[in-house]
């Protein structure tokens, strides 16, 4: 089972990193994202031993909440870019704008947490408690692996200048 999960992650991660790397809407990026979602669904159906009804409901829940999360996550990326721009050495930062961006970032974090709670509640209607725990663990593992891939990719890039 562990070997299967590792193989799946190795297949999914490069595309996941690319798909989450920005607002690329090219047909190739869309295709890769669809493939990732399909493989994830197949993986999770197997890992949780879902019946057809559960699998269909889970797919619908994931589609719904991913659609709700996506614009918030895209805005979080934009906020981070705006904050980085404000923090450039030698450029005076606009304190009002930075404060506004920090507030919006925190509001968005809260929105994302609310969506996670709502998704978990919805899944409670058709998954057993054990299946929900397994789902959340698999999802955390996937997110951690994506983060590792991002960090590895960033190691090859020039480091941003730090404040002294």
N, C-alpha and C. Protein backbone atom coordinates (compact mmCIF):
# COMPACT_ATOMS: atom_id res chain seq x y z
N UNK A 1 0.83 -1.19 0.00
CA UNK A 1 0.00 0.00 0.00
C UNK A 1 0.88 1.26 0.00
N UNK A 2 1.91 1.27 0.81
CA UNK A 2 2.80 2.43 0.89
C UNK A 2 3.50 2.68 -0.45
N UNK A 3 3.92 1.59 -1.08
CA UNK A 3 4.60 1.70 -2.37
C UNK A 3 3.67 2.28 -3.42
N UNK A 4 2.39 1.86 -3.40
CA UNK A 4 1.41 2.39 -4.35
C UNK A 4 1.22 3.89 -4.13
N UNK A 5 1.12 4.30 -2.88
CA UNK A 5 0.94 5.72 -2.57
C UNK A 5 2.15 6.52 -3.02
N UNK A 6 3.34 5.98 -2.82
CA UNK A 6 4.55 6.69 -3.23
C UNK A 6 4.59 6.82 -4.75
N UNK A 7 4.26 5.74 -5.45
CA UNK A 7 4.27 5.80 -6.91
C UNK A 7 3.26 6.83 -7.40
N UNK A 8 2.09 6.85 -6.79
CA UNK A 8 1.07 7.81 -7.17
C UNK A 8 1.57 9.24 -6.95
N UNK A 9 2.19 9.49 -5.83
CA UNK A 9 2.67 10.84 -5.54
C UNK A 9 3.76 11.26 -6.54
N UNK A 10 4.63 10.32 -6.90
CA UNK A 10 5.68 10.66 -7.86
C UNK A 10 5.08 11.01 -9.21
N UNK A 11 4.00 10.35 -9.57
CA UNK A 11 3.32 10.64 -10.83
C UNK A 11 2.62 11.99 -10.75
N UNK A 12 1.95 12.23 -9.63
CA UNK A 12 1.11 13.42 -9.50
C UNK A 12 1.87 14.70 -9.20
N UNK A 13 2.94 14.62 -8.44
CA UNK A 13 3.57 15.84 -7.92
C UNK A 13 4.07 16.82 -8.97
N UNK A 14 4.80 16.40 -9.98
CA UNK A 14 5.26 17.42 -10.93
C UNK A 14 4.11 18.20 -11.55
N UNK A 15 3.07 17.51 -11.92
CA UNK A 15 1.91 18.19 -12.49
C UNK A 15 1.19 19.03 -11.46
N UNK A 16 1.12 18.55 -10.23
CA UNK A 16 0.43 19.31 -9.19
C UNK A 16 1.16 20.61 -8.92
N UNK A 17 2.46 20.55 -8.88
CA UNK A 17 3.24 21.76 -8.66
C UNK A 17 3.02 22.73 -9.81
N UNK A 18 3.05 22.21 -11.03
CA UNK A 18 2.84 23.08 -12.19
C UNK A 18 1.43 23.64 -12.19
N UNK A 19 0.46 22.81 -11.88
CA UNK A 19 -0.94 23.25 -11.90
C UNK A 19 -1.22 24.28 -10.82
N UNK A 20 -0.52 24.20 -9.69
CA UNK A 20 -0.75 25.15 -8.62
C UNK A 20 0.19 26.33 -8.68
N UNK A 21 1.08 26.34 -9.64
CA UNK A 21 2.10 27.37 -9.70
C UNK A 21 1.61 28.72 -10.14
N UNK A 22 0.41 28.84 -10.61
CA UNK A 22 -0.06 30.15 -11.05
C UNK A 22 -1.35 30.02 -11.82
N UNK A 23 -1.72 31.07 -12.46
CA UNK A 23 -2.99 31.11 -13.16
C UNK A 23 -2.90 30.62 -14.59
N UNK A 24 -2.02 29.67 -14.89
CA UNK A 24 -1.87 29.16 -16.24
C UNK A 24 -3.13 28.41 -16.64
N UNK A 25 -3.78 28.89 -17.68
CA UNK A 25 -5.01 28.27 -18.14
C UNK A 25 -4.83 27.61 -19.49
N UNK A 26 -3.58 27.33 -19.87
CA UNK A 26 -3.34 26.67 -21.14
C UNK A 26 -4.01 25.31 -21.15
N UNK A 27 -4.29 24.82 -22.34
CA UNK A 27 -4.97 23.53 -22.43
C UNK A 27 -4.13 22.43 -21.81
N UNK A 28 -2.81 22.53 -21.91
CA UNK A 28 -1.94 21.53 -21.30
C UNK A 28 -2.07 21.55 -19.77
N UNK A 29 -2.08 22.73 -19.19
CA UNK A 29 -2.22 22.84 -17.74
C UNK A 29 -3.58 22.32 -17.28
N UNK A 30 -4.62 22.63 -18.04
CA UNK A 30 -5.96 22.15 -17.70
C UNK A 30 -6.00 20.63 -17.78
N UNK A 31 -5.40 20.08 -18.82
CA UNK A 31 -5.37 18.63 -18.98
C UNK A 31 -4.61 17.97 -17.84
N UNK A 32 -3.48 18.52 -17.47
CA UNK A 32 -2.69 17.97 -16.36
C UNK A 32 -3.49 18.02 -15.07
N UNK A 33 -4.14 19.14 -14.83
CA UNK A 33 -4.94 19.27 -13.61
C UNK A 33 -6.07 18.24 -13.59
N UNK A 34 -6.72 18.02 -14.73
CA UNK A 34 -7.78 17.02 -14.80
C UNK A 34 -7.23 15.62 -14.54
N UNK A 35 -6.06 15.33 -15.07
CA UNK A 35 -5.44 14.03 -14.85
C UNK A 35 -5.10 13.83 -13.37
N UNK A 36 -4.60 14.87 -12.75
CA UNK A 36 -4.27 14.79 -11.32
C UNK A 36 -5.53 14.52 -10.52
N UNK A 37 -6.58 15.26 -10.83
CA UNK A 37 -7.83 15.08 -10.09
C UNK A 37 -8.38 13.66 -10.29
N UNK A 38 -8.31 13.14 -11.50
CA UNK A 38 -8.80 11.79 -11.78
C UNK A 38 -7.98 10.74 -11.02
N UNK A 39 -6.67 10.88 -11.07
CA UNK A 39 -5.80 9.93 -10.36
C UNK A 39 -6.00 10.01 -8.86
N UNK A 40 -6.16 11.24 -8.36
CA UNK A 40 -6.42 11.42 -6.93
C UNK A 40 -7.72 10.71 -6.56
N UNK A 41 -8.75 10.89 -7.36
CA UNK A 41 -10.05 10.27 -7.08
C UNK A 41 -9.92 8.74 -7.07
N UNK A 42 -9.26 8.20 -8.07
CA UNK A 42 -9.06 6.74 -8.13
C UNK A 42 -8.29 6.26 -6.90
N UNK A 43 -7.27 7.00 -6.54
CA UNK A 43 -6.44 6.64 -5.38
C UNK A 43 -7.28 6.65 -4.10
N UNK A 44 -8.04 7.71 -3.92
CA UNK A 44 -8.79 7.86 -2.67
C UNK A 44 -9.93 6.84 -2.59
N UNK A 45 -10.56 6.51 -3.72
CA UNK A 45 -11.60 5.48 -3.74
C UNK A 45 -11.01 4.15 -3.30
N UNK A 46 -9.81 3.84 -3.77
CA UNK A 46 -9.15 2.59 -3.39
C UNK A 46 -8.75 2.62 -1.91
N UNK A 47 -8.11 3.69 -1.49
CA UNK A 47 -7.61 3.78 -0.12
C UNK A 47 -8.73 3.74 0.91
N UNK A 48 -9.85 4.38 0.60
CA UNK A 48 -10.97 4.43 1.54
C UNK A 48 -11.96 3.29 1.33
N UNK A 49 -11.76 2.50 0.29
CA UNK A 49 -12.65 1.38 -0.05
C UNK A 49 -14.10 1.88 -0.18
N UNK A 50 -14.27 2.89 -1.03
CA UNK A 50 -15.58 3.50 -1.20
C UNK A 50 -16.44 2.68 -2.15
N UNK A 51 -17.76 2.68 -1.88
CA UNK A 51 -18.69 2.10 -2.84
C UNK A 51 -18.98 3.17 -3.90
N UNK A 52 -19.73 2.80 -4.93
CA UNK A 52 -19.99 3.73 -6.04
C UNK A 52 -20.72 4.98 -5.57
N UNK A 53 -21.68 4.82 -4.68
CA UNK A 53 -22.44 5.96 -4.19
C UNK A 53 -21.52 6.94 -3.44
N UNK A 54 -20.70 6.40 -2.56
CA UNK A 54 -19.77 7.24 -1.81
C UNK A 54 -18.78 7.94 -2.74
N UNK A 55 -18.28 7.18 -3.72
CA UNK A 55 -17.29 7.74 -4.66
C UNK A 55 -17.90 8.92 -5.44
N UNK A 56 -19.13 8.75 -5.89
CA UNK A 56 -19.79 9.83 -6.63
C UNK A 56 -20.03 11.05 -5.76
N UNK A 57 -20.48 10.82 -4.53
CA UNK A 57 -20.73 11.94 -3.62
C UNK A 57 -19.42 12.65 -3.25
N UNK A 58 -18.37 11.88 -3.04
CA UNK A 58 -17.08 12.49 -2.70
C UNK A 58 -16.57 13.34 -3.87
N UNK A 59 -16.70 12.81 -5.07
CA UNK A 59 -16.27 13.58 -6.25
C UNK A 59 -17.03 14.89 -6.35
N UNK A 60 -18.33 14.85 -6.12
CA UNK A 60 -19.15 16.07 -6.19
C UNK A 60 -18.74 17.06 -5.10
N UNK A 61 -18.47 16.55 -3.91
CA UNK A 61 -18.04 17.42 -2.80
C UNK A 61 -16.69 18.06 -3.11
N UNK A 62 -15.75 17.26 -3.58
CA UNK A 62 -14.44 17.81 -3.90
C UNK A 62 -14.54 18.86 -5.00
N UNK A 63 -15.31 18.57 -6.03
CA UNK A 63 -15.47 19.54 -7.13
C UNK A 63 -16.04 20.85 -6.60
N UNK A 64 -17.07 20.75 -5.79
CA UNK A 64 -17.73 21.94 -5.25
C UNK A 64 -16.77 22.78 -4.41
N UNK A 65 -16.08 22.14 -3.47
CA UNK A 65 -15.22 22.90 -2.56
C UNK A 65 -13.92 23.35 -3.21
N UNK A 66 -13.41 22.56 -4.15
CA UNK A 66 -12.23 23.02 -4.89
C UNK A 66 -12.58 24.29 -5.68
N UNK A 67 -13.77 24.31 -6.26
CA UNK A 67 -14.21 25.49 -6.99
C UNK A 67 -14.35 26.71 -6.10
N UNK A 68 -14.77 26.50 -4.87
CA UNK A 68 -14.90 27.61 -3.92
C UNK A 68 -13.54 28.06 -3.40
N UNK A 69 -12.62 27.12 -3.24
CA UNK A 69 -11.28 27.45 -2.71
C UNK A 69 -10.39 28.15 -3.73
N UNK A 70 -10.52 27.77 -4.97
CA UNK A 70 -9.59 28.23 -5.99
C UNK A 70 -9.44 29.76 -6.06
N UNK A 71 -10.53 30.53 -6.14
CA UNK A 71 -10.33 31.99 -6.22
C UNK A 71 -9.69 32.57 -4.96
N UNK A 72 -9.98 31.98 -3.82
CA UNK A 72 -9.37 32.46 -2.57
C UNK A 72 -7.88 32.18 -2.58
N UNK A 73 -7.51 30.98 -3.01
CA UNK A 73 -6.09 30.63 -3.06
C UNK A 73 -5.35 31.49 -4.08
N UNK A 74 -5.99 31.77 -5.21
CA UNK A 74 -5.36 32.64 -6.21
C UNK A 74 -5.15 34.04 -5.65
N UNK A 75 -6.12 34.52 -4.88
CA UNK A 75 -5.97 35.84 -4.28
C UNK A 75 -4.85 35.83 -3.24
N UNK A 76 -4.70 34.73 -2.51
CA UNK A 76 -3.62 34.63 -1.53
C UNK A 76 -2.26 34.75 -2.23
N UNK A 77 -2.12 34.15 -3.39
CA UNK A 77 -0.87 34.24 -4.16
C UNK A 77 -0.65 35.69 -4.58
N UNK A 78 -1.71 36.34 -5.03
CA UNK A 78 -1.59 37.74 -5.45
C UNK A 78 -1.24 38.64 -4.27
N UNK A 79 -1.82 38.38 -3.12
CA UNK A 79 -1.52 39.16 -1.92
C UNK A 79 -0.04 39.00 -1.55
N UNK A 80 0.45 37.76 -1.59
CA UNK A 80 1.86 37.52 -1.27
C UNK A 80 2.76 38.28 -2.23
N UNK A 81 2.41 38.30 -3.51
CA UNK A 81 3.22 39.03 -4.48
C UNK A 81 3.19 40.53 -4.19
N UNK A 82 2.01 41.03 -3.85
CA UNK A 82 1.91 42.47 -3.54
C UNK A 82 2.71 42.81 -2.29
N UNK A 83 2.66 41.95 -1.28
CA UNK A 83 3.44 42.18 -0.07
C UNK A 83 4.93 42.15 -0.37
N UNK A 84 5.35 41.20 -1.18
CA UNK A 84 6.77 41.13 -1.56
C UNK A 84 7.20 42.39 -2.28
N UNK A 85 6.34 42.89 -3.13
CA UNK A 85 6.66 44.12 -3.86
C UNK A 85 6.79 45.29 -2.89
N UNK A 86 5.94 45.35 -1.91
CA UNK A 86 6.00 46.43 -0.92
C UNK A 86 7.24 46.33 -0.04
N UNK A 87 7.78 45.14 0.11
CA UNK A 87 8.90 44.93 1.02
C UNK A 87 10.26 44.99 0.33
N UNK A 88 10.30 45.42 -0.89
CA UNK A 88 11.58 45.52 -1.61
C UNK A 88 12.50 46.51 -0.91
N UNK A 89 13.76 46.12 -0.74
CA UNK A 89 14.72 47.02 -0.10
C UNK A 89 14.87 48.31 -0.91
N UNK A 90 14.97 49.41 -0.19
CA UNK A 90 15.18 50.69 -0.83
C UNK A 90 13.92 51.35 -1.36
N UNK A 91 12.78 50.67 -1.26
CA UNK A 91 11.51 51.22 -1.73
C UNK A 91 10.63 51.44 -0.50
N UNK A 92 10.18 52.68 -0.28
CA UNK A 92 9.33 52.90 0.89
C UNK A 92 8.00 52.17 0.74
N UNK A 93 7.65 51.42 1.78
CA UNK A 93 6.40 50.65 1.76
C UNK A 93 5.23 51.56 2.09
N UNK A 94 4.09 51.26 1.50
CA UNK A 94 2.84 51.97 1.79
C UNK A 94 2.18 51.24 2.96
N UNK A 95 2.29 51.80 4.16
CA UNK A 95 1.80 51.14 5.36
C UNK A 95 0.31 50.84 5.29
N UNK A 96 -0.46 51.74 4.73
CA UNK A 96 -1.90 51.50 4.62
C UNK A 96 -2.19 50.29 3.73
N UNK A 97 -1.50 50.22 2.61
CA UNK A 97 -1.69 49.09 1.70
C UNK A 97 -1.23 47.79 2.35
N UNK A 98 -0.08 47.81 3.00
CA UNK A 98 0.43 46.60 3.66
C UNK A 98 -0.56 46.14 4.72
N UNK A 99 -1.08 47.05 5.49
CA UNK A 99 -2.06 46.70 6.53
C UNK A 99 -3.31 46.08 5.91
N UNK A 100 -3.78 46.68 4.82
CA UNK A 100 -4.96 46.17 4.12
C UNK A 100 -4.69 44.76 3.59
N UNK A 101 -3.52 44.54 3.01
CA UNK A 101 -3.17 43.23 2.48
C UNK A 101 -3.06 42.19 3.59
N UNK A 102 -2.47 42.57 4.71
CA UNK A 102 -2.36 41.64 5.84
C UNK A 102 -3.74 41.25 6.36
N UNK A 103 -4.63 42.23 6.46
CA UNK A 103 -6.00 41.94 6.91
C UNK A 103 -6.72 40.99 5.93
N UNK A 104 -6.57 41.28 4.65
CA UNK A 104 -7.22 40.44 3.65
C UNK A 104 -6.66 39.02 3.67
N UNK A 105 -5.35 38.91 3.86
CA UNK A 105 -4.73 37.58 3.93
C UNK A 105 -5.30 36.77 5.10
N UNK A 106 -5.45 37.42 6.24
CA UNK A 106 -6.02 36.72 7.41
C UNK A 106 -7.48 36.36 7.19
N UNK A 107 -8.25 37.26 6.58
CA UNK A 107 -9.65 36.96 6.27
C UNK A 107 -9.74 35.75 5.34
N UNK A 108 -8.87 35.70 4.35
CA UNK A 108 -8.88 34.58 3.42
C UNK A 108 -8.49 33.27 4.10
N UNK A 109 -7.55 33.33 5.02
CA UNK A 109 -7.19 32.12 5.78
C UNK A 109 -8.41 31.60 6.53
N UNK A 110 -9.16 32.52 7.13
CA UNK A 110 -10.38 32.13 7.83
C UNK A 110 -11.41 31.52 6.88
N UNK A 111 -11.55 32.11 5.70
CA UNK A 111 -12.48 31.57 4.70
C UNK A 111 -12.08 30.15 4.30
N UNK A 112 -10.79 29.94 4.11
CA UNK A 112 -10.32 28.61 3.72
C UNK A 112 -10.57 27.60 4.84
N UNK A 113 -10.36 28.00 6.08
CA UNK A 113 -10.65 27.11 7.20
C UNK A 113 -12.14 26.79 7.28
N UNK A 114 -12.98 27.80 7.05
CA UNK A 114 -14.43 27.57 7.03
C UNK A 114 -14.82 26.57 5.95
N UNK A 115 -14.22 26.71 4.78
CA UNK A 115 -14.52 25.77 3.69
C UNK A 115 -14.08 24.35 4.06
N UNK A 116 -12.94 24.22 4.74
CA UNK A 116 -12.49 22.90 5.17
C UNK A 116 -13.50 22.28 6.13
N UNK A 117 -13.99 23.08 7.07
CA UNK A 117 -14.99 22.57 8.03
C UNK A 117 -16.28 22.17 7.31
N UNK A 118 -16.72 23.01 6.37
CA UNK A 118 -17.94 22.70 5.63
C UNK A 118 -17.78 21.42 4.81
N UNK A 119 -16.61 21.25 4.19
CA UNK A 119 -16.38 20.05 3.39
C UNK A 119 -16.39 18.81 4.30
N UNK A 120 -15.74 18.91 5.44
CA UNK A 120 -15.71 17.78 6.37
C UNK A 120 -17.12 17.44 6.84
N UNK A 121 -17.93 18.45 7.14
CA UNK A 121 -19.32 18.22 7.55
C UNK A 121 -20.10 17.53 6.45
N UNK A 122 -19.92 17.98 5.21
CA UNK A 122 -20.64 17.37 4.10
C UNK A 122 -20.23 15.91 3.92
N UNK A 123 -18.95 15.63 4.05
CA UNK A 123 -18.46 14.27 3.91
C UNK A 123 -18.97 13.37 5.02
N UNK A 124 -19.26 13.96 6.19
CA UNK A 124 -19.79 13.17 7.30
C UNK A 124 -21.14 12.56 6.96
N UNK A 125 -21.82 13.10 5.96
CA UNK A 125 -23.11 12.57 5.57
C UNK A 125 -23.03 11.27 4.78
N UNK A 126 -21.86 10.92 4.27
CA UNK A 126 -21.77 9.70 3.46
C UNK A 126 -20.49 8.88 3.68
N UNK A 127 -19.52 9.42 4.43
CA UNK A 127 -18.33 8.65 4.77
C UNK A 127 -18.38 8.26 6.25
N UNK A 128 -17.82 7.12 6.57
CA UNK A 128 -17.72 6.73 7.98
C UNK A 128 -16.65 7.59 8.64
N UNK A 129 -16.63 7.65 9.96
CA UNK A 129 -15.57 8.41 10.63
C UNK A 129 -14.17 7.91 10.25
N UNK A 130 -14.00 6.61 10.13
CA UNK A 130 -12.69 6.07 9.75
C UNK A 130 -12.32 6.51 8.34
N UNK A 131 -13.26 6.48 7.43
CA UNK A 131 -12.99 6.93 6.06
C UNK A 131 -12.63 8.41 6.03
N UNK A 132 -13.30 9.22 6.85
CA UNK A 132 -12.98 10.65 6.89
C UNK A 132 -11.56 10.88 7.39
N UNK A 133 -11.16 10.16 8.42
CA UNK A 133 -9.81 10.31 8.94
C UNK A 133 -8.79 9.88 7.89
N UNK A 134 -9.06 8.77 7.22
CA UNK A 134 -8.15 8.31 6.17
C UNK A 134 -8.07 9.32 5.03
N UNK A 135 -9.20 9.88 4.66
CA UNK A 135 -9.23 10.90 3.61
C UNK A 135 -8.35 12.10 4.01
N UNK A 136 -8.57 12.60 5.22
CA UNK A 136 -7.81 13.77 5.67
C UNK A 136 -6.31 13.48 5.74
N UNK A 137 -5.96 12.27 6.17
CA UNK A 137 -4.54 11.90 6.22
C UNK A 137 -3.94 11.84 4.82
N UNK A 138 -4.66 11.25 3.88
CA UNK A 138 -4.17 11.18 2.51
C UNK A 138 -4.02 12.57 1.92
N UNK A 139 -4.96 13.42 2.20
CA UNK A 139 -4.91 14.79 1.69
C UNK A 139 -3.73 15.55 2.29
N UNK A 140 -3.51 15.40 3.60
CA UNK A 140 -2.37 16.06 4.24
C UNK A 140 -1.06 15.56 3.65
N UNK A 141 -0.98 14.26 3.39
CA UNK A 141 0.22 13.68 2.80
C UNK A 141 0.47 14.28 1.42
N UNK A 142 -0.58 14.37 0.64
CA UNK A 142 -0.46 14.93 -0.71
C UNK A 142 0.00 16.39 -0.65
N UNK A 143 -0.61 17.18 0.21
CA UNK A 143 -0.25 18.59 0.34
C UNK A 143 1.20 18.74 0.80
N UNK A 144 1.63 17.89 1.73
CA UNK A 144 3.02 17.94 2.20
C UNK A 144 3.98 17.59 1.07
N UNK A 145 3.63 16.62 0.26
CA UNK A 145 4.50 16.23 -0.85
C UNK A 145 4.58 17.35 -1.89
N UNK A 146 3.46 18.00 -2.15
CA UNK A 146 3.47 19.13 -3.09
C UNK A 146 4.37 20.23 -2.55
N UNK A 147 4.27 20.50 -1.26
CA UNK A 147 5.11 21.53 -0.63
C UNK A 147 6.59 21.16 -0.74
N UNK A 148 6.91 19.89 -0.54
CA UNK A 148 8.30 19.45 -0.69
C UNK A 148 8.81 19.69 -2.10
N UNK A 149 7.96 19.38 -3.08
CA UNK A 149 8.36 19.60 -4.47
C UNK A 149 8.58 21.08 -4.74
N UNK A 150 7.71 21.93 -4.20
CA UNK A 150 7.89 23.38 -4.37
C UNK A 150 9.22 23.82 -3.79
N UNK A 151 9.52 23.33 -2.59
CA UNK A 151 10.77 23.71 -1.94
C UNK A 151 11.98 23.25 -2.74
N UNK A 152 11.91 22.04 -3.28
CA UNK A 152 13.01 21.54 -4.10
C UNK A 152 13.19 22.38 -5.35
N UNK A 153 12.08 22.78 -5.96
CA UNK A 153 12.16 23.62 -7.15
C UNK A 153 12.76 24.97 -6.79
N UNK A 154 12.39 25.50 -5.64
CA UNK A 154 12.89 26.81 -5.22
C UNK A 154 14.38 26.77 -4.90
N UNK A 155 14.91 25.61 -4.49
CA UNK A 155 16.33 25.51 -4.17
C UNK A 155 17.20 25.83 -5.38
N UNK A 156 16.71 25.56 -6.57
CA UNK A 156 17.47 25.83 -7.78
C UNK A 156 17.39 27.26 -8.25
N UNK A 157 16.53 28.05 -7.64
CA UNK A 157 16.37 29.45 -8.05
C UNK A 157 17.20 30.36 -7.16
N UNK A 158 17.54 31.53 -7.68
CA UNK A 158 18.25 32.50 -6.82
C UNK A 158 17.38 32.87 -5.63
N UNK A 159 18.01 32.99 -4.51
CA UNK A 159 17.28 33.33 -3.29
C UNK A 159 16.95 34.83 -3.29
N UNK A 160 15.76 35.17 -2.80
CA UNK A 160 15.43 36.60 -2.71
C UNK A 160 16.32 37.26 -1.65
N UNK A 161 16.55 38.53 -1.84
CA UNK A 161 17.38 39.27 -0.89
C UNK A 161 16.65 39.37 0.44
N UNK A 162 17.39 39.15 1.49
CA UNK A 162 16.86 39.22 2.86
C UNK A 162 17.15 40.59 3.45
N UNK A 163 16.33 40.95 4.42
CA UNK A 163 16.57 42.19 5.15
C UNK A 163 17.76 42.01 6.05
N UNK A 164 18.51 43.06 6.20
CA UNK A 164 19.70 42.97 7.06
C UNK A 164 19.51 43.77 8.30
